[in-house]
């Protein structure tokens, strides 16, 4: 469809290239640290995904916290639809200010 796919989002997982929190590992999903920018509303990514929303043409993710361990990260975003399609992308390296 014009506003996106007719499919629904089944899951969005975000992983970091380095440990994000002092008690975490690189295999931890970081989705809970992200919101979706919908203009006025900013639902948490996990809560949004749990509603099994319609797939969108685009979506802006907002990181809510700064990493407590390494300040350099690449984020890999894995996006799954209810029809089984999986899309994966990795950001360039992002360096956070201390």
PDB file of N, CA and C in Angstrom:
ATOM      1  N   UNK A   1       0.808  -1.185   0.000  1.00  0.00           N
ATOM      2  CA  UNK A   1       0.000   0.000   0.000  1.00  0.00           C
ATOM      3  C   UNK A   1       0.847   1.243   0.000  1.00  0.00           C
ATOM      4  N   UNK A   2       0.237   2.380  -0.265  1.00  0.00           N
ATOM      5  CA  UNK A   2       0.959   3.643  -0.333  1.00  0.00           C
ATOM      6  C   UNK A   2       1.641   3.980   0.987  1.00  0.00           C
ATOM      7  N   UNK A   3       0.963   3.740   2.105  1.00  0.00           N
ATOM      8  CA  UNK A   3       1.527   4.089   3.406  1.00  0.00           C
ATOM      9  C   UNK A   3       2.411   3.003   3.987  1.00  0.00           C
ATOM     10  N   UNK A   4       2.699   1.980   3.234  1.00  0.00           N
ATOM     11  CA  UNK A   4       3.532   0.886   3.719  1.00  0.00           C
ATOM     12  C   UNK A   4       2.987  -0.431   3.211  1.00  0.00           C
ATOM     13  N   UNK A   5       3.429  -1.496   3.791  1.00  0.00           N
ATOM     14  CA  UNK A   5       3.021  -2.835   3.398  1.00  0.00           C
ATOM     15  C   UNK A   5       1.668  -3.171   4.008  1.00  0.00           C
ATOM     16  N   UNK A   6       0.986  -4.133   3.412  1.00  0.00           N
ATOM     17  CA  UNK A   6      -0.244  -4.647   4.003  1.00  0.00           C
ATOM     18  C   UNK A   6       0.077  -5.604   5.143  1.00  0.00           C
ATOM     19  N   UNK A   7       1.348  -5.980   5.241  1.00  0.00           N
ATOM     20  CA  UNK A   7       1.784  -6.884   6.301  1.00  0.00           C
ATOM     21  C   UNK A   7       1.818  -6.169   7.640  1.00  0.00           C
ATOM     22  N   UNK A   8       1.961  -6.952   8.684  1.00  0.00           N
ATOM     23  CA  UNK A   8       2.072  -6.433  10.036  1.00  0.00           C
ATOM     24  C   UNK A   8       3.497  -6.670  10.530  1.00  0.00           C
ATOM     25  N   UNK A   9       3.930  -5.827  11.450  1.00  0.00           N
ATOM     26  CA  UNK A   9       5.247  -5.989  12.074  1.00  0.00           C
ATOM     27  C   UNK A   9       5.102  -7.030  13.175  1.00  0.00           C
ATOM     28  N   UNK A  10       5.921  -8.072  13.118  1.00  0.00           N
ATOM     29  CA  UNK A  10       5.863  -9.086  14.177  1.00  0.00           C
ATOM     30  C   UNK A  10       6.947  -8.852  15.226  1.00  0.00           C
ATOM     31  N   UNK A  11       8.043  -8.218  14.813  1.00  0.00           N
ATOM     32  CA  UNK A  11       9.153  -8.063  15.758  1.00  0.00           C
ATOM     33  C   UNK A  11      10.162  -7.062  15.204  1.00  0.00           C
ATOM     34  N   UNK A  12      10.716  -6.244  16.078  1.00  0.00           N
ATOM     35  CA  UNK A  12      11.863  -5.391  15.740  1.00  0.00           C
ATOM     36  C   UNK A  12      12.882  -5.565  16.847  1.00  0.00           C
ATOM     37  N   UNK A  13      14.056  -6.018  16.477  1.00  0.00           N
ATOM     38  CA  UNK A  13      15.133  -6.197  17.448  1.00  0.00           C
ATOM     39  C   UNK A  13      16.298  -5.300  17.064  1.00  0.00           C
ATOM     40  N   UNK A  14      16.916  -4.714  18.063  1.00  0.00           N
ATOM     41  CA  UNK A  14      18.079  -3.858  17.840  1.00  0.00           C
ATOM     42  C   UNK A  14      19.223  -4.382  18.695  1.00  0.00           C
ATOM     43  N   UNK A  15      20.377  -4.552  18.059  1.00  0.00           N
ATOM     44  CA  UNK A  15      21.563  -5.054  18.744  1.00  0.00           C
ATOM     45  C   UNK A  15      22.697  -4.057  18.558  1.00  0.00           C
ATOM     46  N   UNK A  16      23.586  -3.969  19.546  1.00  0.00           N
ATOM     47  CA  UNK A  16      24.746  -3.092  19.453  1.00  0.00           C
ATOM     48  C   UNK A  16      25.996  -3.881  19.134  1.00  0.00           C
ATOM     49  N   UNK A  17      26.951  -3.197  18.534  1.00  0.00           N
ATOM     50  CA  UNK A  17      28.223  -3.849  18.193  1.00  0.00           C
ATOM     51  C   UNK A  17      29.105  -4.020  19.414  1.00  0.00           C
ATOM     52  N   UNK A  18      28.832  -3.244  20.459  1.00  0.00           N
ATOM     53  CA  UNK A  18      29.581  -3.321  21.709  1.00  0.00           C
ATOM     54  C   UNK A  18      28.594  -3.464  22.862  1.00  0.00           C
ATOM     55  N   UNK A  19      29.096  -3.788  24.019  1.00  0.00           N
ATOM     56  CA  UNK A  19      28.254  -3.900  25.210  1.00  0.00           C
ATOM     57  C   UNK A  19      27.666  -2.511  25.485  1.00  0.00           C
ATOM     58  N   UNK A  20      26.349  -2.445  25.658  1.00  0.00           N
ATOM     59  CA  UNK A  20      25.655  -1.161  25.825  1.00  0.00           C
ATOM     60  C   UNK A  20      25.569  -0.737  27.280  1.00  0.00           C
ATOM     61  N   UNK A  21      25.310  -1.689  28.172  1.00  0.00           N
ATOM     62  CA  UNK A  21      25.241  -1.392  29.603  1.00  0.00           C
ATOM     63  C   UNK A  21      26.325  -2.179  30.323  1.00  0.00           C
ATOM     64  N   UNK A  22      26.698  -1.744  31.496  1.00  0.00           N
ATOM     65  CA  UNK A  22      27.758  -2.413  32.250  1.00  0.00           C
ATOM     66  C   UNK A  22      27.416  -3.865  32.566  1.00  0.00           C
ATOM     67  N   UNK A  23      26.133  -4.187  32.675  1.00  0.00           N
ATOM     68  CA  UNK A  23      25.736  -5.559  33.023  1.00  0.00           C
ATOM     69  C   UNK A  23      25.270  -6.359  31.802  1.00  0.00           C
ATOM     70  N   UNK A  24      25.428  -5.807  30.604  1.00  0.00           N
ATOM     71  CA  UNK A  24      24.903  -6.469  29.406  1.00  0.00           C
ATOM     72  C   UNK A  24      25.951  -7.200  28.597  1.00  0.00           C
ATOM     73  N   UNK A  25      25.499  -7.700  27.431  1.00  0.00           N
ATOM     74  CA  UNK A  25      26.394  -8.341  26.474  1.00  0.00           C
ATOM     75  C   UNK A  25      25.983  -7.902  25.069  1.00  0.00           C
ATOM     76  N   UNK A  26      26.795  -8.230  24.079  1.00  0.00           N
ATOM     77  CA  UNK A  26      26.492  -7.814  22.707  1.00  0.00           C
ATOM     78  C   UNK A  26      25.313  -8.583  22.115  1.00  0.00           C
ATOM     79  N   UNK A  27      24.861  -9.631  22.774  1.00  0.00           N
ATOM     80  CA  UNK A  27      23.710 -10.389  22.264  1.00  0.00           C
ATOM     81  C   UNK A  27      22.389  -9.871  22.831  1.00  0.00           C
ATOM     82  N   UNK A  28      22.444  -8.915  23.758  1.00  0.00           N
ATOM     83  CA  UNK A  28      21.216  -8.351  24.329  1.00  0.00           C
ATOM     84  C   UNK A  28      20.483  -7.507  23.289  1.00  0.00           C
ATOM     85  N   UNK A  29      19.157  -7.627  23.253  1.00  0.00           N
ATOM     86  CA  UNK A  29      18.382  -6.731  22.406  1.00  0.00           C
ATOM     87  C   UNK A  29      18.255  -5.386  23.115  1.00  0.00           C
ATOM     88  N   UNK A  30      18.428  -4.322  22.367  1.00  0.00           N
ATOM     89  CA  UNK A  30      18.401  -2.976  22.924  1.00  0.00           C
ATOM     90  C   UNK A  30      17.089  -2.264  22.628  1.00  0.00           C
ATOM     91  N   UNK A  31      16.116  -2.978  22.126  1.00  0.00           N
ATOM     92  CA  UNK A  31      14.845  -2.387  21.700  1.00  0.00           C
ATOM     93  C   UNK A  31      14.169  -1.591  22.810  1.00  0.00           C
ATOM     94  N   UNK A  32      14.327  -2.023  24.043  1.00  0.00           N
ATOM     95  CA  UNK A  32      13.667  -1.337  25.162  1.00  0.00           C
ATOM     96  C   UNK A  32      14.202   0.072  25.381  1.00  0.00           C
ATOM     97  N   UNK A  33      15.355   0.385  24.815  1.00  0.00           N
ATOM     98  CA  UNK A  33      15.952   1.702  24.971  1.00  0.00           C
ATOM     99  C   UNK A  33      15.535   2.678  23.868  1.00  0.00           C
ATOM    100  N   UNK A  34      14.651   2.237  22.978  1.00  0.00           N
ATOM    101  CA  UNK A  34      14.236   3.063  21.846  1.00  0.00           C
ATOM    102  C   UNK A  34      12.742   3.366  21.884  1.00  0.00           C
ATOM    103  N   UNK A  35      12.412   4.575  21.436  1.00  0.00           N
ATOM    104  CA  UNK A  35      11.023   4.969  21.194  1.00  0.00           C
ATOM    105  C   UNK A  35      10.872   5.182  19.695  1.00  0.00           C
ATOM    106  N   UNK A  36       9.625   5.258  19.263  1.00  0.00           N
ATOM    107  CA  UNK A  36       9.324   5.584  17.879  1.00  0.00           C
ATOM    108  C   UNK A  36       8.808   7.009  17.849  1.00  0.00           C
ATOM    109  N   UNK A  37       9.375   7.832  16.992  1.00  0.00           N
ATOM    110  CA  UNK A  37       8.940   9.220  16.863  1.00  0.00           C
ATOM    111  C   UNK A  37       7.755   9.274  15.913  1.00  0.00           C
ATOM    112  N   UNK A  38       6.586   9.522  16.463  1.00  0.00           N
ATOM    113  CA  UNK A  38       5.367   9.670  15.660  1.00  0.00           C
ATOM    114  C   UNK A  38       4.886  11.116  15.707  1.00  0.00           C
ATOM    115  N   UNK A  39       5.797  12.050  15.888  1.00  0.00           N
ATOM    116  CA  UNK A  39       5.411  13.446  16.020  1.00  0.00           C
ATOM    117  C   UNK A  39       5.103  13.767  17.471  1.00  0.00           C
ATOM    118  N   UNK A  40       3.818  13.866  17.798  1.00  0.00           N
ATOM    119  CA  UNK A  40       3.404  14.193  19.167  1.00  0.00           C
ATOM    120  C   UNK A  40       3.645  13.009  20.103  1.00  0.00           C
ATOM    121  N   UNK A  41       3.370  11.806  19.638  1.00  0.00           N
ATOM    122  CA  UNK A  41       3.511  10.598  20.464  1.00  0.00           C
ATOM    123  C   UNK A  41       4.876   9.968  20.268  1.00  0.00           C
ATOM    124  N   UNK A  42       5.389   9.370  21.335  1.00  0.00           N
ATOM    125  CA  UNK A  42       6.647   8.622  21.257  1.00  0.00           C
ATOM    126  C   UNK A  42       6.489   7.312  22.017  1.00  0.00           C
ATOM    127  N   UNK A  43       5.774   6.345  21.417  1.00  0.00           N
ATOM    128  CA  UNK A  43       5.616   5.069  22.108  1.00  0.00           C
ATOM    129  C   UNK A  43       6.939   4.310  22.168  1.00  0.00           C
ATOM    130  N   UNK A  44       7.106   3.519  23.210  1.00  0.00           N
ATOM    131  CA  UNK A  44       8.272   2.656  23.326  1.00  0.00           C
ATOM    132  C   UNK A  44       8.232   1.627  22.201  1.00  0.00           C
ATOM    133  N   UNK A  45       9.382   1.316  21.635  1.00  0.00           N
ATOM    134  CA  UNK A  45       9.457   0.387  20.508  1.00  0.00           C
ATOM    135  C   UNK A  45       8.873  -0.978  20.855  1.00  0.00           C
ATOM    136  N   UNK A  46       9.167  -1.490  22.047  1.00  0.00           N
ATOM    137  CA  UNK A  46       8.663  -2.805  22.456  1.00  0.00           C
ATOM    138  C   UNK A  46       7.139  -2.779  22.573  1.00  0.00           C
ATOM    139  N   UNK A  47       6.602  -1.757  23.221  1.00  0.00           N
ATOM    140  CA  UNK A  47       5.144  -1.636  23.359  1.00  0.00           C
ATOM    141  C   UNK A  47       4.483  -1.503  21.993  1.00  0.00           C
ATOM    142  N   UNK A  48       5.073  -0.702  21.126  1.00  0.00           N
ATOM    143  CA  UNK A  48       4.553  -0.506  19.771  1.00  0.00           C
ATOM    144  C   UNK A  48       4.521  -1.829  19.009  1.00  0.00           C
ATOM    145  N   UNK A  49       5.620  -2.565  19.063  1.00  0.00           N
ATOM    146  CA  UNK A  49       5.716  -3.837  18.341  1.00  0.00           C
ATOM    147  C   UNK A  49       4.727  -4.862  18.899  1.00  0.00           C
ATOM    148  N   UNK A  50       4.477  -4.837  20.205  1.00  0.00           N
ATOM    149  CA  UNK A  50       3.547  -5.785  20.821  1.00  0.00           C
ATOM    150  C   UNK A  50       2.113  -5.618  20.332  1.00  0.00           C
ATOM    151  N   UNK A  51       1.792  -4.466  19.736  1.00  0.00           N
ATOM    152  CA  UNK A  51       0.441  -4.251  19.207  1.00  0.00           C
ATOM    153  C   UNK A  51       0.292  -4.839  17.810  1.00  0.00           C
ATOM    154  N   UNK A  52       1.364  -5.427  17.262  1.00  0.00           N
ATOM    155  CA  UNK A  52       1.356  -6.034  15.932  1.00  0.00           C
ATOM    156  C   UNK A  52       0.878  -5.014  14.886  1.00  0.00           C
ATOM    157  N   UNK A  53       1.561  -3.843  14.830  1.00  0.00           N
ATOM    158  CA  UNK A  53       1.102  -2.768  13.963  1.00  0.00           C
ATOM    159  C   UNK A  53       1.312  -3.057  12.485  1.00  0.00           C
ATOM    160  N   UNK A  54       0.608  -2.301  11.658  1.00  0.00           N
ATOM    161  CA  UNK A  54       0.805  -2.411  10.220  1.00  0.00           C
ATOM    162  C   UNK A  54       2.207  -1.925   9.885  1.00  0.00           C
ATOM    163  N   UNK A  55       2.853  -2.587   8.944  1.00  0.00           N
ATOM    164  CA  UNK A  55       4.192  -2.185   8.522  1.00  0.00           C
ATOM    165  C   UNK A  55       4.123  -0.790   7.912  1.00  0.00           C
ATOM    166  N   UNK A  56       5.082   0.042   8.250  1.00  0.00           N
ATOM    167  CA  UNK A  56       5.112   1.422   7.787  1.00  0.00           C
ATOM    168  C   UNK A  56       6.148   1.604   6.698  1.00  0.00           C
ATOM    169  N   UNK A  57       5.960   2.620   5.898  1.00  0.00           N
ATOM    170  CA  UNK A  57       6.935   2.934   4.855  1.00  0.00           C
ATOM    171  C   UNK A  57       8.250   3.386   5.474  1.00  0.00           C
ATOM    172  N   UNK A  58       8.166   4.164   6.540  1.00  0.00           N
ATOM    173  CA  UNK A  58       9.372   4.595   7.258  1.00  0.00           C
ATOM    174  C   UNK A  58       9.033   4.804   8.724  1.00  0.00           C
ATOM    175  N   UNK A  59      10.059   4.774   9.539  1.00  0.00           N
ATOM    176  CA  UNK A  59       9.880   4.915  10.976  1.00  0.00           C
ATOM    177  C   UNK A  59      11.159   5.528  11.546  1.00  0.00           C
ATOM    178  N   UNK A  60      11.003   6.485  12.444  1.00  0.00           N
ATOM    179  CA  UNK A  60      12.154   7.131  13.069  1.00  0.00           C
ATOM    180  C   UNK A  60      12.297   6.605  14.490  1.00  0.00           C
ATOM    181  N   UNK A  61      13.466   6.047  14.799  1.00  0.00           N
ATOM    182  CA  UNK A  61      13.735   5.510  16.132  1.00  0.00           C
ATOM    183  C   UNK A  61      14.525   6.528  16.942  1.00  0.00           C
ATOM    184  N   UNK A  62      14.138   6.695  18.199  1.00  0.00           N
ATOM    185  CA  UNK A  62      14.797   7.647  19.094  1.00  0.00           C
ATOM    186  C   UNK A  62      15.415   6.866  20.253  1.00  0.00           C
ATOM    187  N   UNK A  63      16.730   6.979  20.419  1.00  0.00           N
ATOM    188  CA  UNK A  63      17.423   6.331  21.537  1.00  0.00           C
ATOM    189  C   UNK A  63      17.194   7.167  22.797  1.00  0.00           C
ATOM    190  N   UNK A  64      16.700   6.526  23.856  1.00  0.00           N
ATOM    191  CA  UNK A  64      16.332   7.240  25.087  1.00  0.00           C
ATOM    192  C   UNK A  64      17.469   7.380  26.084  1.00  0.00           C
ATOM    193  N   UNK A  65      18.463   6.528  26.007  1.00  0.00           N
ATOM    194  CA  UNK A  65      19.567   6.550  26.974  1.00  0.00           C
ATOM    195  C   UNK A  65      20.908   6.456  26.261  1.00  0.00           C
ATOM    196  N   UNK A  66      21.925   6.939  26.932  1.00  0.00           N
ATOM    197  CA  UNK A  66      23.286   6.851  26.414  1.00  0.00           C
ATOM    198  C   UNK A  66      23.912   5.567  26.939  1.00  0.00           C
ATOM    199  N   UNK A  67      24.765   4.919  26.174  1.00  0.00           N
ATOM    200  CA  UNK A  67      25.407   3.696  26.676  1.00  0.00           C
ATOM    201  C   UNK A  67      26.250   3.982  27.911  1.00  0.00           C
ATOM    202  N   UNK A  68      26.290   3.006  28.805  1.00  0.00           N
ATOM    203  CA  UNK A  68      27.077   3.185  30.030  1.00  0.00           C
ATOM    204  C   UNK A  68      28.437   2.499  29.927  1.00  0.00           C
ATOM    205  N   UNK A  69      28.674   1.787  28.852  1.00  0.00           N
ATOM    206  CA  UNK A  69      29.994   1.174  28.676  1.00  0.00           C
ATOM    207  C   UNK A  69      30.693   1.859  27.504  1.00  0.00           C
ATOM    208  N   UNK A  70      30.920   1.177  26.425  1.00  0.00           N
ATOM    209  CA  UNK A  70      31.605   1.750  25.272  1.00  0.00           C
ATOM    210  C   UNK A  70      30.802   2.906  24.679  1.00  0.00           C
ATOM    211  N   UNK A  71      31.495   3.938  24.221  1.00  0.00           N
ATOM    212  CA  UNK A  71      30.811   5.087  23.639  1.00  0.00           C
ATOM    213  C   UNK A  71      30.723   5.026  22.115  1.00  0.00           C
ATOM    214  N   UNK A  72      31.295   3.981  21.513  1.00  0.00           N
ATOM    215  CA  UNK A  72      31.200   3.795  20.062  1.00  0.00           C
ATOM    216  C   UNK A  72      30.339   2.577  19.774  1.00  0.00           C
ATOM    217  N   UNK A  73      29.324   2.773  18.930  1.00  0.00           N
ATOM    218  CA  UNK A  73      28.397   1.676  18.618  1.00  0.00           C
ATOM    219  C   UNK A  73      27.949   1.719  17.177  1.00  0.00           C
ATOM    220  N   UNK A  74      27.731   0.542  16.637  1.00  0.00           N
ATOM    221  CA  UNK A  74      26.956   0.355  15.418  1.00  0.00           C
ATOM    222  C   UNK A  74      25.718  -0.392  15.880  1.00  0.00           C
ATOM    223  N   UNK A  75      24.573  -0.022  15.371  1.00  0.00           N
ATOM    224  CA  UNK A  75      23.337  -0.697  15.738  1.00  0.00           C
ATOM    225  C   UNK A  75      22.845  -1.511  14.552  1.00  0.00           C
ATOM    226  N   UNK A  76      22.504  -2.762  14.804  1.00  0.00           N
ATOM    227  CA  UNK A  76      21.899  -3.613  13.793  1.00  0.00           C
ATOM    228  C   UNK A  76      20.427  -3.749  14.133  1.00  0.00           C
ATOM    229  N   UNK A  77      19.596  -3.383  13.170  1.00  0.00           N
ATOM    230  CA  UNK A  77      18.144  -3.415  13.350  1.00  0.00           C
ATOM    231  C   UNK A  77      17.591  -4.559  12.513  1.00  0.00           C
ATOM    232  N   UNK A  78      16.889  -5.458  13.177  1.00  0.00           N
ATOM    233  CA  UNK A  78      16.277  -6.608  12.500  1.00  0.00           C
ATOM    234  C   UNK A  78      14.764  -6.436  12.576  1.00  0.00           C
ATOM    235  N   UNK A  79      14.147  -6.346  11.423  1.00  0.00           N
ATOM    236  CA  UNK A  79      12.726  -6.034  11.292  1.00  0.00           C
ATOM    237  C   UNK A  79      12.044  -7.254  10.682  1.00  0.00           C
ATOM    238  N   UNK A  80      11.065  -7.815  11.393  1.00  0.00           N
ATOM    239  CA  UNK A  80      10.367  -9.012  10.901  1.00  0.00           C
ATOM    240  C   UNK A  80       8.895  -8.697  10.678  1.00  0.00           C
ATOM    241  N   UNK A  81       8.361  -9.221   9.577  1.00  0.00           N
ATOM    242  CA  UNK A  81       6.944  -9.058   9.267  1.00  0.00           C
ATOM    243  C   UNK A  81       6.217 -10.384   9.479  1.00  0.00           C
ATOM    244  N   UNK A  82       4.901 -10.305   9.602  1.00  0.00           N
ATOM    245  CA  UNK A  82       4.101 -11.502   9.873  1.00  0.00           C
ATOM    246  C   UNK A  82       4.124 -12.509   8.725  1.00  0.00           C
ATOM    247  N   UNK A  83       4.511 -12.091   7.534  1.00  0.00           N
ATOM    248  CA  UNK A  83       4.597 -13.030   6.414  1.00  0.00           C
ATOM    249  C   UNK A  83       5.943 -13.752   6.376  1.00  0.00           C
ATOM    250  N   UNK A  84       6.800 -13.498   7.387  1.00  0.00           N
ATOM    251  CA  UNK A  84       8.091 -14.178   7.471  1.00  0.00           C
ATOM    252  C   UNK A  84       9.247 -13.393   6.876  1.00  0.00           C
ATOM    253  N   UNK A  85       8.962 -12.298   6.164  1.00  0.00           N
ATOM    254  CA  UNK A  85      10.045 -11.494   5.605  1.00  0.00           C
ATOM    255  C   UNK A  85      10.848 -10.856   6.734  1.00  0.00           C
ATOM    256  N   UNK A  86      12.175 -10.850   6.561  1.00  0.00           N
ATOM    257  CA  UNK A  86      13.077 -10.253   7.549  1.00  0.00           C
ATOM    258  C   UNK A  86      13.977  -9.264   6.818  1.00  0.00           C
ATOM    259  N   UNK A  87      14.083  -8.077   7.381  1.00  0.00           N
ATOM    260  CA  UNK A  87      14.957  -7.046   6.836  1.00  0.00           C
ATOM    261  C   UNK A  87      15.959  -6.677   7.916  1.00  0.00           C
ATOM    262  N   UNK A  88      17.232  -6.530   7.525  1.00  0.00           N
ATOM    263  CA  UNK A  88      18.283  -6.202   8.477  1.00  0.00           C
ATOM    264  C   UNK A  88      19.112  -5.054   7.921  1.00  0.00           C
ATOM    265  N   UNK A  89      19.435  -4.109   8.771  1.00  0.00           N
ATOM    266  CA  UNK A  89      20.338  -3.029   8.382  1.00  0.00           C
ATOM    267  C   UNK A  89      21.230  -2.682   9.562  1.00  0.00           C
ATOM    268  N   UNK A  90      22.392  -2.144   9.262  1.00  0.00           N
ATOM    269  CA  UNK A  90      23.339  -1.732  10.293  1.00  0.00           C
ATOM    270  C   UNK A  90      23.703  -0.272  10.076  1.00  0.00           C
ATOM    271  N   UNK A  91      23.685   0.502  11.149  1.00  0.00           N
ATOM    272  CA  UNK A  91      24.026   1.919  11.075  1.00  0.00           C
ATOM    273  C   UNK A  91      25.536   2.078  10.936  1.00  0.00           C
ATOM    274  N   UNK A  92      25.954   3.249  10.499  1.00  0.00           N
ATOM    275  CA  UNK A  92      27.388   3.558  10.618  1.00  0.00           C
ATOM    276  C   UNK A  92      27.745   3.657  12.091  1.00  0.00           C
ATOM    277  N   UNK A  93      29.021   3.705  12.417  1.00  0.00           N
ATOM    278  CA  UNK A  93      29.446   3.858  13.810  1.00  0.00           C
ATOM    279  C   UNK A  93      28.983   5.205  14.347  1.00  0.00           C
ATOM    280  N   UNK A  94      28.388   5.150  15.524  1.00  0.00           N
ATOM    281  CA  UNK A  94      27.940   6.355  16.213  1.00  0.00           C
ATOM    282  C   UNK A  94      28.803   6.494  17.462  1.00  0.00           C
ATOM    283  N   UNK A  95      29.372   7.690  17.659  1.00  0.00           N
ATOM    284  CA  UNK A  95      30.189   7.929  18.849  1.00  0.00           C
ATOM    285  C   UNK A  95      29.442   8.906  19.755  1.00  0.00           C
ATOM    286  N   UNK A  96      29.182   8.467  20.986  1.00  0.00           N
ATOM    287  CA  UNK A  96      28.466   9.277  21.973  1.00  0.00           C
ATOM    288  C   UNK A  96      29.444  10.127  22.763  1.00  0.00           C
ATOM    289  N   UNK A  97      29.008  11.306  23.162  1.00  0.00           N
ATOM    290  CA  UNK A  97      29.819  12.160  24.022  1.00  0.00           C
ATOM    291  C   UNK A  97      29.848  11.584  25.429  1.00  0.00           C
ATOM    292  N   UNK A  98      30.994  11.691  26.113  1.00  0.00           N
ATOM    293  CA  UNK A  98      31.056  11.162  27.489  1.00  0.00           C
ATOM    294  C   UNK A  98      30.173  11.950  28.445  1.00  0.00           C
TER     295      UNK A  98
END
